[in-house]
Amino acid sequence: MYTSTARPCRAAQGALSNYKKFGDEPSDHAIGRSRGGLTTKNHLVCDGKGRALAFVLTPGQAADTRMMATTLEQIQVSAGQGRPRTRPDRAMADKGYPSEANRAWLRERGIAATIPERDDQITHRRKKPGRPIDFGDTQRGRYRGRSVVERCFNKLKQWRGIAMRSDKTARNYHAGLCLAATLHWLTSTA
């Protein structure tokens, strides 16, 4: 007589999924879960030469739009004498940052904006008449200059510790970013 032993459960066997959340990371780590796993976002402001002026770290699932004002408030560029400059003439950002709140915040401070709208916002704006956002040829030409920010990120990520985020706490990671940005400043002005 032949007897077979059946598995008690027909569920999938193996390791648990990486997408399950097993508890929150401490707030001082600035690490969050997203589709790619544990990630950190670095919100960066740089000058026209691609040198970092300020950056803010957030967990990976944090929305970009909410961090624009916080990041711009971190700018302090000293001109030698007097108070440091804290406000840029123009802010250029990608499609992760357009919102009515950000545009109002920039208008209150007299900062010109070059931020394209997302497709869903353009569709919504067609349904509700209001002040159109001018993103014509001159704005498109300015927006091409946003590649300076991407080059700044690439320069900072030449450091493996920054690219891989191997530090446990946000304080240590931020210190590494400050060091890399300082060295970039020193080598770019020479």
N, C-alpha and C. Protein backbone atom coordinates (compact mmCIF):
# COMPACT_ATOMS: atom_id res chain seq x y z
N MET A 1 0.83 -1.16 0.00
CA MET A 1 0.00 0.00 0.00
C MET A 1 0.89 1.24 0.00
N TYR A 2 0.51 2.23 -0.77
CA TYR A 2 1.28 3.47 -0.93
C TYR A 2 0.54 4.62 -0.25
N THR A 3 1.23 5.30 0.65
CA THR A 3 0.63 6.47 1.29
C THR A 3 1.48 7.69 0.95
N SER A 4 0.83 8.76 0.67
CA SER A 4 1.56 10.00 0.37
C SER A 4 1.33 10.99 1.49
N THR A 5 2.33 11.75 1.75
CA THR A 5 2.18 12.78 2.76
C THR A 5 1.92 14.10 2.04
N ALA A 6 0.85 14.68 2.36
CA ALA A 6 0.47 15.95 1.72
C ALA A 6 0.96 17.12 2.58
N ARG A 7 1.24 18.17 1.92
CA ARG A 7 1.64 19.39 2.63
C ARG A 7 0.43 19.92 3.38
N PRO A 8 0.62 20.39 4.58
CA PRO A 8 -0.52 20.88 5.34
C PRO A 8 -1.09 22.19 4.79
N CYS A 9 -0.32 22.92 4.02
CA CYS A 9 -0.79 24.22 3.54
C CYS A 9 -0.37 24.40 2.09
N ARG A 10 -1.26 24.89 1.28
CA ARG A 10 -0.94 25.11 -0.12
C ARG A 10 -0.41 26.52 -0.38
N ALA A 11 -0.14 27.29 0.65
CA ALA A 11 0.35 28.66 0.49
C ALA A 11 1.77 28.64 -0.08
N ALA A 12 2.15 29.76 -0.64
CA ALA A 12 3.50 29.88 -1.20
C ALA A 12 4.54 29.70 -0.11
N GLN A 13 5.59 29.01 -0.43
CA GLN A 13 6.65 28.77 0.52
C GLN A 13 7.82 29.71 0.22
N GLY A 14 8.64 29.96 1.18
CA GLY A 14 9.82 30.80 0.96
C GLY A 14 9.83 32.00 1.88
N ALA A 15 10.68 32.94 1.55
CA ALA A 15 10.85 34.12 2.38
C ALA A 15 9.64 35.05 2.26
N LEU A 16 9.48 35.85 3.28
CA LEU A 16 8.40 36.82 3.27
C LEU A 16 8.70 37.93 2.29
N SER A 17 7.66 38.62 1.86
CA SER A 17 7.81 39.70 0.89
C SER A 17 8.57 40.87 1.50
N ASN A 18 9.35 41.55 0.68
CA ASN A 18 10.07 42.73 1.13
C ASN A 18 9.16 43.93 1.30
N TYR A 19 7.98 43.91 0.77
CA TYR A 19 7.10 45.08 0.77
C TYR A 19 6.27 45.20 2.03
N LYS A 20 6.36 44.24 2.93
CA LYS A 20 5.60 44.33 4.16
C LYS A 20 6.34 45.21 5.15
N LYS A 21 5.60 45.98 5.87
CA LYS A 21 6.19 46.89 6.82
C LYS A 21 6.19 46.24 8.19
N PHE A 22 7.36 46.09 8.77
CA PHE A 22 7.49 45.43 10.06
C PHE A 22 7.75 46.42 11.17
N GLY A 23 7.23 47.61 11.07
CA GLY A 23 7.45 48.63 12.08
C GLY A 23 8.14 49.83 11.48
N ASP A 24 7.94 50.95 12.11
CA ASP A 24 8.51 52.19 11.61
C ASP A 24 9.96 52.33 12.01
N GLU A 25 10.71 52.96 11.14
CA GLU A 25 12.09 53.32 11.47
C GLU A 25 12.05 54.51 12.41
N PRO A 26 13.02 54.65 13.28
CA PRO A 26 13.07 55.85 14.13
C PRO A 26 13.18 57.11 13.28
N SER A 27 12.64 58.20 13.77
CA SER A 27 12.60 59.44 12.99
C SER A 27 13.99 60.00 12.73
N ASP A 28 14.95 59.69 13.56
CA ASP A 28 16.29 60.24 13.34
C ASP A 28 17.08 59.47 12.28
N HIS A 29 16.47 58.50 11.63
CA HIS A 29 17.16 57.75 10.58
C HIS A 29 16.86 58.28 9.19
N ALA A 30 15.72 58.95 8.99
CA ALA A 30 15.29 59.46 7.68
C ALA A 30 15.29 58.34 6.64
N ILE A 31 14.80 57.18 7.05
CA ILE A 31 14.69 56.04 6.15
C ILE A 31 13.22 55.66 6.10
N GLY A 32 12.71 55.47 4.90
CA GLY A 32 11.32 55.09 4.74
C GLY A 32 11.16 54.02 3.69
N ARG A 33 10.04 53.37 3.72
CA ARG A 33 9.78 52.30 2.76
C ARG A 33 9.05 52.84 1.55
N SER A 34 9.51 52.42 0.39
CA SER A 34 8.83 52.72 -0.85
C SER A 34 8.84 51.44 -1.68
N ARG A 35 8.47 51.52 -2.94
CA ARG A 35 8.43 50.32 -3.76
C ARG A 35 9.78 49.65 -3.89
N GLY A 36 10.84 50.45 -3.84
CA GLY A 36 12.18 49.91 -3.99
C GLY A 36 12.79 49.39 -2.71
N GLY A 37 12.06 49.46 -1.61
CA GLY A 37 12.60 49.03 -0.32
C GLY A 37 12.86 50.22 0.57
N LEU A 38 13.89 50.14 1.38
CA LEU A 38 14.25 51.23 2.28
C LEU A 38 14.99 52.31 1.50
N THR A 39 14.49 53.54 1.55
CA THR A 39 15.11 54.62 0.79
C THR A 39 15.10 55.91 1.58
N THR A 40 15.93 56.85 1.13
CA THR A 40 15.99 58.20 1.68
C THR A 40 15.94 59.17 0.52
N LYS A 41 15.18 60.26 0.67
CA LYS A 41 15.16 61.30 -0.35
C LYS A 41 16.02 62.46 0.11
N ASN A 42 16.77 63.00 -0.82
CA ASN A 42 17.61 64.16 -0.56
C ASN A 42 17.06 65.31 -1.39
N HIS A 43 16.47 66.30 -0.76
CA HIS A 43 15.95 67.48 -1.43
C HIS A 43 17.08 68.51 -1.43
N LEU A 44 17.49 68.96 -2.61
CA LEU A 44 18.71 69.74 -2.76
C LEU A 44 18.43 71.06 -3.47
N VAL A 45 19.11 72.11 -3.02
CA VAL A 45 19.12 73.40 -3.70
C VAL A 45 20.56 73.68 -4.08
N CYS A 46 20.78 74.06 -5.35
CA CYS A 46 22.14 74.40 -5.76
C CYS A 46 22.13 75.70 -6.54
N ASP A 47 23.32 76.29 -6.68
CA ASP A 47 23.43 77.54 -7.44
C ASP A 47 23.60 77.22 -8.92
N GLY A 48 23.81 78.24 -9.73
CA GLY A 48 23.93 78.06 -11.17
C GLY A 48 25.17 77.31 -11.61
N LYS A 49 26.15 77.20 -10.72
CA LYS A 49 27.38 76.46 -11.04
C LYS A 49 27.31 75.01 -10.56
N GLY A 50 26.18 74.60 -10.00
CA GLY A 50 26.01 73.22 -9.56
C GLY A 50 26.60 72.95 -8.20
N ARG A 51 26.77 73.97 -7.37
CA ARG A 51 27.29 73.78 -6.01
C ARG A 51 26.13 73.76 -5.04
N ALA A 52 26.11 72.80 -4.15
CA ALA A 52 25.01 72.62 -3.21
C ALA A 52 24.95 73.79 -2.22
N LEU A 53 23.75 74.35 -2.05
CA LEU A 53 23.53 75.42 -1.08
C LEU A 53 22.84 74.90 0.17
N ALA A 54 21.91 73.97 0.00
CA ALA A 54 21.18 73.43 1.14
C ALA A 54 20.56 72.10 0.73
N PHE A 55 20.37 71.23 1.71
CA PHE A 55 19.67 69.98 1.45
C PHE A 55 18.95 69.53 2.71
N VAL A 56 17.85 68.83 2.48
CA VAL A 56 17.01 68.30 3.56
C VAL A 56 16.78 66.83 3.26
N LEU A 57 16.91 65.99 4.27
CA LEU A 57 16.69 64.56 4.13
C LEU A 57 15.30 64.18 4.63
N THR A 58 14.62 63.32 3.90
CA THR A 58 13.32 62.81 4.32
C THR A 58 13.27 61.32 4.03
N PRO A 59 12.35 60.61 4.69
CA PRO A 59 12.15 59.20 4.35
C PRO A 59 11.68 59.06 2.90
N GLY A 60 11.90 57.90 2.31
CA GLY A 60 11.61 57.69 0.90
C GLY A 60 10.17 57.85 0.50
N GLN A 61 9.23 57.64 1.40
CA GLN A 61 7.82 57.75 1.02
C GLN A 61 7.28 59.17 1.16
N ALA A 62 8.07 60.11 1.65
CA ALA A 62 7.62 61.49 1.83
C ALA A 62 7.42 62.16 0.47
N ALA A 63 6.40 62.98 0.37
CA ALA A 63 6.10 63.67 -0.89
C ALA A 63 7.08 64.81 -1.13
N ASP A 64 7.51 64.96 -2.37
CA ASP A 64 8.44 66.02 -2.74
C ASP A 64 7.81 67.40 -2.54
N THR A 65 6.55 67.53 -2.89
CA THR A 65 5.89 68.83 -2.90
C THR A 65 5.94 69.52 -1.55
N ARG A 66 5.80 68.78 -0.49
CA ARG A 66 5.77 69.39 0.85
C ARG A 66 7.13 69.91 1.31
N MET A 67 8.19 69.50 0.66
CA MET A 67 9.53 69.84 1.14
C MET A 67 10.16 71.03 0.44
N MET A 68 9.49 71.62 -0.53
CA MET A 68 10.10 72.72 -1.28
C MET A 68 10.39 73.93 -0.40
N ALA A 69 9.40 74.38 0.36
CA ALA A 69 9.59 75.56 1.22
C ALA A 69 10.64 75.29 2.29
N THR A 70 10.60 74.11 2.89
CA THR A 70 11.57 73.76 3.93
C THR A 70 12.99 73.77 3.38
N THR A 71 13.17 73.26 2.18
CA THR A 71 14.50 73.22 1.59
C THR A 71 14.99 74.61 1.23
N LEU A 72 14.12 75.43 0.64
CA LEU A 72 14.53 76.79 0.27
C LEU A 72 14.81 77.66 1.49
N GLU A 73 14.17 77.37 2.62
CA GLU A 73 14.42 78.15 3.83
C GLU A 73 15.80 77.84 4.43
N GLN A 74 16.44 76.77 3.99
CA GLN A 74 17.76 76.40 4.52
C GLN A 74 18.90 77.20 3.87
N ILE A 75 18.61 77.94 2.81
CA ILE A 75 19.66 78.66 2.08
C ILE A 75 20.20 79.81 2.92
N GLN A 76 21.52 79.89 3.03
CA GLN A 76 22.21 81.02 3.66
C GLN A 76 23.55 81.17 2.97
N VAL A 77 23.65 82.16 2.09
CA VAL A 77 24.90 82.40 1.35
C VAL A 77 25.44 83.74 1.81
N SER A 78 26.62 83.71 2.42
CA SER A 78 27.20 84.97 2.89
C SER A 78 27.93 85.65 1.74
N ALA A 79 27.81 86.98 1.71
CA ALA A 79 28.45 87.78 0.66
C ALA A 79 29.64 88.54 1.22
N GLY A 80 30.11 88.15 2.37
CA GLY A 80 31.25 88.83 2.98
C GLY A 80 30.81 89.70 4.15
N GLN A 81 30.07 90.75 3.86
CA GLN A 81 29.59 91.65 4.92
C GLN A 81 28.07 91.65 4.95
N GLY A 82 27.53 91.92 6.11
CA GLY A 82 26.08 92.00 6.23
C GLY A 82 25.44 90.63 6.44
N ARG A 83 24.12 90.64 6.34
CA ARG A 83 23.38 89.40 6.52
C ARG A 83 23.56 88.47 5.33
N PRO A 84 23.51 87.16 5.57
CA PRO A 84 23.62 86.24 4.44
C PRO A 84 22.37 86.27 3.58
N ARG A 85 22.55 86.00 2.32
CA ARG A 85 21.43 85.98 1.38
C ARG A 85 20.65 84.68 1.59
N THR A 86 19.33 84.82 1.69
CA THR A 86 18.51 83.65 1.97
C THR A 86 17.47 83.38 0.89
N ARG A 87 17.39 84.21 -0.12
CA ARG A 87 16.34 84.07 -1.12
C ARG A 87 16.92 84.09 -2.53
N PRO A 88 16.61 83.08 -3.33
CA PRO A 88 17.09 83.08 -4.72
C PRO A 88 16.24 84.00 -5.59
N ASP A 89 16.75 84.35 -6.76
CA ASP A 89 15.98 85.15 -7.71
C ASP A 89 14.93 84.30 -8.41
N ARG A 90 15.29 83.05 -8.71
CA ARG A 90 14.39 82.15 -9.44
C ARG A 90 14.55 80.75 -8.89
N ALA A 91 13.45 80.03 -8.80
CA ALA A 91 13.46 78.62 -8.38
C ALA A 91 13.06 77.76 -9.57
N MET A 92 13.90 76.79 -9.89
CA MET A 92 13.58 75.83 -10.95
C MET A 92 13.44 74.47 -10.28
N ALA A 93 12.34 73.79 -10.58
CA ALA A 93 12.09 72.49 -9.98
C ALA A 93 11.42 71.59 -11.01
N ASP A 94 11.46 70.29 -10.75
CA ASP A 94 10.85 69.35 -11.69
C ASP A 94 9.37 69.15 -11.36
N LYS A 95 8.74 68.19 -12.04
CA LYS A 95 7.30 67.98 -11.90
C LYS A 95 6.89 67.39 -10.56
N GLY A 96 7.84 67.12 -9.68
CA GLY A 96 7.51 66.62 -8.36
C GLY A 96 7.12 67.73 -7.39
N TYR A 97 7.35 68.99 -7.76
CA TYR A 97 7.15 70.09 -6.83
C TYR A 97 6.02 71.06 -7.16
N PRO A 98 5.27 70.94 -8.25
CA PRO A 98 4.25 71.95 -8.50
C PRO A 98 3.02 71.74 -7.61
N SER A 99 2.64 72.78 -6.94
CA SER A 99 1.40 72.78 -6.18
C SER A 99 1.00 74.23 -5.97
N GLU A 100 -0.27 74.45 -5.69
CA GLU A 100 -0.73 75.82 -5.46
C GLU A 100 -0.04 76.41 -4.24
N ALA A 101 0.19 75.60 -3.21
CA ALA A 101 0.83 76.10 -1.99
C ALA A 101 2.26 76.53 -2.27
N ASN A 102 3.01 75.75 -3.06
CA ASN A 102 4.39 76.12 -3.38
C ASN A 102 4.44 77.39 -4.22
N ARG A 103 3.55 77.49 -5.21
CA ARG A 103 3.55 78.68 -6.06
C ARG A 103 3.15 79.91 -5.25
N ALA A 104 2.21 79.77 -4.33
CA ALA A 104 1.82 80.91 -3.48
C ALA A 104 2.97 81.30 -2.55
N TRP A 105 3.67 80.31 -2.00
CA TRP A 105 4.81 80.59 -1.12
C TRP A 105 5.89 81.34 -1.87
N LEU A 106 6.17 80.95 -3.11
CA LEU A 106 7.18 81.63 -3.92
C LEU A 106 6.74 83.06 -4.28
N ARG A 107 5.45 83.22 -4.62
CA ARG A 107 4.93 84.56 -4.95
C ARG A 107 5.03 85.50 -3.76
N GLU A 108 4.72 85.02 -2.55
CA GLU A 108 4.80 85.85 -1.35
C GLU A 108 6.21 86.39 -1.12
N ARG A 109 7.19 85.64 -1.51
CA ARG A 109 8.58 86.03 -1.28
C ARG A 109 9.23 86.68 -2.50
N GLY A 110 8.47 86.85 -3.57
CA GLY A 110 8.99 87.50 -4.77
C GLY A 110 9.99 86.67 -5.53
N ILE A 111 9.84 85.35 -5.47
CA ILE A 111 10.75 84.44 -6.17
C ILE A 111 10.06 83.96 -7.45
N ALA A 112 10.70 84.19 -8.58
CA ALA A 112 10.15 83.72 -9.85
C ALA A 112 10.27 82.19 -9.90
N ALA A 113 9.33 81.55 -10.58
CA ALA A 113 9.31 80.09 -10.60
C ALA A 113 9.34 79.55 -12.02
N THR A 114 10.09 78.49 -12.22
CA THR A 114 10.10 77.72 -13.46
C THR A 114 9.84 76.28 -13.05
N ILE A 115 8.55 75.95 -12.96
CA ILE A 115 8.14 74.61 -12.54
C ILE A 115 7.05 74.14 -13.50
N PRO A 116 7.29 73.10 -14.28
CA PRO A 116 6.23 72.62 -15.18
C PRO A 116 5.13 71.92 -14.41
N GLU A 117 3.93 72.00 -14.97
CA GLU A 117 2.80 71.31 -14.34
C GLU A 117 2.74 69.86 -14.81
N ARG A 118 2.22 69.01 -13.94
CA ARG A 118 2.00 67.62 -14.32
C ARG A 118 0.78 67.56 -15.24
N ASP A 119 0.67 66.48 -15.99
CA ASP A 119 -0.42 66.32 -16.95
C ASP A 119 -1.79 66.35 -16.27
N ASP A 120 -1.90 65.73 -15.09
CA ASP A 120 -3.19 65.73 -14.40
C ASP A 120 -3.57 67.14 -13.94
N GLN A 121 -2.60 67.97 -13.60
CA GLN A 121 -2.89 69.35 -13.21
C GLN A 121 -3.34 70.17 -14.41
N ILE A 122 -2.74 69.94 -15.57
CA ILE A 122 -3.14 70.65 -16.79
C ILE A 122 -4.57 70.29 -17.14
N THR A 123 -4.92 69.02 -17.06
CA THR A 123 -6.30 68.58 -17.34
C THR A 123 -7.28 69.22 -16.36
N HIS A 124 -6.92 69.25 -15.10
CA HIS A 124 -7.79 69.86 -14.08
C HIS A 124 -7.94 71.36 -14.32
N ARG A 125 -6.88 72.02 -14.74
CA ARG A 125 -6.93 73.46 -14.98
C ARG A 125 -7.83 73.80 -16.16
N ARG A 126 -7.90 72.91 -17.16
CA ARG A 126 -8.79 73.14 -18.30
C ARG A 126 -10.25 73.12 -17.89
N LYS A 127 -10.57 72.31 -16.88
CA LYS A 127 -11.95 72.22 -16.41
C LYS A 127 -12.34 73.45 -15.60
N LYS A 128 -11.40 73.98 -14.82
CA LYS A 128 -11.68 75.14 -13.98
C LYS A 128 -10.86 76.33 -14.49
N PRO A 129 -11.53 77.33 -15.03
CA PRO A 129 -10.77 78.48 -15.52
C PRO A 129 -10.11 79.23 -14.37
N GLY A 130 -8.95 79.74 -14.63
CA GLY A 130 -8.21 80.49 -13.62
C GLY A 130 -6.98 81.09 -14.27
N ARG A 131 -6.08 81.49 -13.46
CA ARG A 131 -4.86 82.10 -13.98
C ARG A 131 -3.99 81.02 -14.63
N PRO A 132 -3.76 81.10 -15.93
CA PRO A 132 -2.94 80.07 -16.58
C PRO A 132 -1.48 80.21 -16.19
N ILE A 133 -0.81 79.10 -16.15
CA ILE A 133 0.61 79.10 -15.85
C ILE A 133 1.36 79.16 -17.17
N ASP A 134 2.17 80.19 -17.32
CA ASP A 134 2.91 80.40 -18.55
C ASP A 134 4.13 79.48 -18.57
N PHE A 135 4.12 78.53 -19.48
CA PHE A 135 5.29 77.68 -19.65
C PHE A 135 5.60 77.62 -21.13
N GLY A 136 5.86 78.80 -21.70
CA GLY A 136 6.14 78.93 -23.13
C GLY A 136 7.59 78.65 -23.44
N ASP A 137 8.05 79.19 -24.56
CA ASP A 137 9.40 78.93 -25.04
C ASP A 137 10.47 79.46 -24.09
N THR A 138 10.23 80.65 -23.51
CA THR A 138 11.25 81.20 -22.60
C THR A 138 11.37 80.35 -21.34
N GLN A 139 10.25 79.87 -20.82
CA GLN A 139 10.30 79.01 -19.64
C GLN A 139 10.95 77.67 -19.97
N ARG A 140 10.67 77.13 -21.14
CA ARG A 140 11.30 75.86 -21.54
C ARG A 140 12.80 76.02 -21.67
N GLY A 141 13.23 77.16 -22.19
CA GLY A 141 14.66 77.43 -22.28
C GLY A 141 15.31 77.50 -20.91
N ARG A 142 14.64 78.15 -19.96
CA ARG A 142 15.15 78.21 -18.59
C ARG A 142 15.18 76.82 -17.96
N TYR A 143 14.15 76.04 -18.23
CA TYR A 143 14.03 74.71 -17.60
C TYR A 143 15.16 73.79 -18.03
N ARG A 144 15.72 74.02 -19.20
CA ARG A 144 16.86 73.20 -19.64
C ARG A 144 18.05 73.37 -18.70
N GLY A 145 18.12 74.51 -18.03
CA GLY A 145 19.20 74.75 -17.09
C GLY A 145 19.08 73.95 -15.81
N ARG A 146 17.97 73.25 -15.63
CA ARG A 146 17.78 72.45 -14.42
C ARG A 146 18.70 71.24 -14.38
N SER A 147 19.33 70.95 -15.49
CA SER A 147 20.27 69.82 -15.52
C SER A 147 21.45 70.08 -14.58
N VAL A 148 21.65 71.34 -14.19
CA VAL A 148 22.72 71.67 -13.24
C VAL A 148 22.48 70.94 -11.92
N VAL A 149 21.23 70.84 -11.51
CA VAL A 149 20.90 70.14 -10.26
C VAL A 149 21.23 68.66 -10.39
N GLU A 150 20.89 68.07 -11.51
CA GLU A 150 21.19 66.65 -11.71
C GLU A 150 22.69 66.41 -11.69
N ARG A 151 23.45 67.32 -12.29
CA ARG A 151 24.90 67.18 -12.27
C ARG A 151 25.45 67.33 -10.85
N CYS A 152 24.81 68.19 -10.05
CA CYS A 152 25.22 68.34 -8.64
C CYS A 152 24.98 67.04 -7.88
N PHE A 153 23.82 66.43 -8.08
CA PHE A 153 23.54 65.13 -7.45
C PHE A 153 24.58 64.11 -7.87
N ASN A 154 24.90 64.06 -9.17
CA ASN A 154 25.88 63.09 -9.66
C ASN A 154 27.25 63.33 -9.05
N LYS A 155 27.62 64.59 -8.87
CA LYS A 155 28.92 64.91 -8.26
C LYS A 155 28.95 64.44 -6.81
N LEU A 156 27.86 64.66 -6.08
CA LEU A 156 27.81 64.23 -4.68
C LEU A 156 27.81 62.71 -4.57
N LYS A 157 27.17 62.05 -5.52
CA LYS A 157 27.07 60.59 -5.45
C LYS A 157 28.33 59.88 -5.92
N GLN A 158 29.36 60.64 -6.26
CA GLN A 158 30.65 60.03 -6.53
C GLN A 158 31.19 59.38 -5.26
N TRP A 159 30.74 59.88 -4.12
CA TRP A 159 31.08 59.26 -2.84
C TRP A 159 30.17 58.06 -2.66
N ARG A 160 30.75 56.90 -2.49
CA ARG A 160 29.96 55.67 -2.39
C ARG A 160 29.02 55.68 -1.19
N GLY A 161 29.46 56.23 -0.07
CA GLY A 161 28.62 56.28 1.13
C GLY A 161 27.37 57.10 0.92
N ILE A 162 27.44 58.12 0.08
CA ILE A 162 26.27 58.95 -0.20
C ILE A 162 25.36 58.24 -1.19
N ALA A 163 25.94 57.64 -2.20
CA ALA A 163 25.13 56.95 -3.21
C ALA A 163 24.39 55.75 -2.62
N MET A 164 25.04 55.03 -1.69
CA MET A 164 24.45 53.81 -1.15
C MET A 164 23.69 54.02 0.15
N ARG A 165 23.87 55.17 0.80
CA ARG A 165 23.26 55.45 2.09
C ARG A 165 23.61 54.35 3.08
N SER A 166 24.90 54.23 3.39
CA SER A 166 25.34 53.19 4.32
C SER A 166 25.33 53.64 5.77
N ASP A 167 25.06 54.92 6.04
CA ASP A 167 25.00 55.40 7.42
C ASP A 167 23.64 55.09 8.03
N LYS A 168 23.64 54.77 9.30
CA LYS A 168 22.39 54.41 9.96
C LYS A 168 21.55 55.64 10.28
N THR A 169 22.17 56.66 10.84
CA THR A 169 21.40 57.84 11.25
C THR A 169 21.47 58.93 10.19
N ALA A 170 20.43 59.73 10.14
CA ALA A 170 20.38 60.84 9.19
C ALA A 170 21.45 61.86 9.52
N ARG A 171 21.80 62.02 10.78
CA ARG A 171 22.83 62.99 11.17
C ARG A 171 24.17 62.65 10.52
N ASN A 172 24.56 61.39 10.54
CA ASN A 172 25.82 60.98 9.93
C ASN A 172 25.77 61.10 8.41
N TYR A 173 24.64 60.74 7.82
CA TYR A 173 24.49 60.85 6.37
C TYR A 173 24.54 62.33 5.95
N HIS A 174 23.88 63.19 6.72
CA HIS A 174 23.88 64.63 6.43
C HIS A 174 25.30 65.19 6.56
N ALA A 175 26.05 64.71 7.54
CA ALA A 175 27.44 65.15 7.70
C ALA A 175 28.28 64.75 6.49
N GLY A 176 28.05 63.56 5.96
CA GLY A 176 28.76 63.13 4.75
C GLY A 176 28.40 63.99 3.56
N LEU A 177 27.11 64.34 3.45
CA LEU A 177 26.69 65.24 2.38
C LEU A 177 27.35 66.61 2.51
N CYS A 178 27.42 67.13 3.73
CA CYS A 178 28.07 68.42 3.96
C CYS A 178 29.54 68.37 3.56
N LEU A 179 30.21 67.30 3.92
CA LEU A 179 31.62 67.16 3.58
C LEU A 179 31.82 67.09 2.07
N ALA A 180 31.01 66.28 1.39
CA ALA A 180 31.13 66.16 -0.06
C ALA A 180 30.81 67.48 -0.75
N ALA A 181 29.78 68.20 -0.25
CA ALA A 181 29.42 69.49 -0.84
C ALA A 181 30.52 70.52 -0.62
N THR A 182 31.14 70.50 0.55
CA THR A 182 32.23 71.44 0.84
C THR A 182 33.43 71.19 -0.08
N LEU A 183 33.77 69.92 -0.26
CA LEU A 183 34.88 69.60 -1.16
C LEU A 183 34.55 69.97 -2.60
N HIS A 184 33.30 69.82 -2.99
CA HIS A 184 32.87 70.22 -4.33
C HIS A 184 33.00 71.74 -4.49
N TRP A 185 32.61 72.50 -3.45
CA TRP A 185 32.76 73.96 -3.47
C TRP A 185 34.23 74.34 -3.63
N LEU A 186 35.10 73.69 -2.87
CA LEU A 186 36.53 74.04 -2.91
C LEU A 186 37.17 73.73 -4.26
N THR A 187 36.78 72.62 -4.86
CA THR A 187 37.39 72.26 -6.13
C THR A 187 36.77 73.02 -7.32
N SER A 188 35.54 73.49 -7.19
CA SER A 188 34.91 74.18 -8.32
C SER A 188 35.30 75.65 -8.39
N THR A 189 35.72 76.25 -7.28
CA THR A 189 36.10 77.66 -7.31
C THR A 189 37.56 77.84 -7.68
N ALA A 190 38.34 76.79 -7.61
CA ALA A 190 39.78 76.90 -7.89
C ALA A 190 40.06 77.00 -9.37
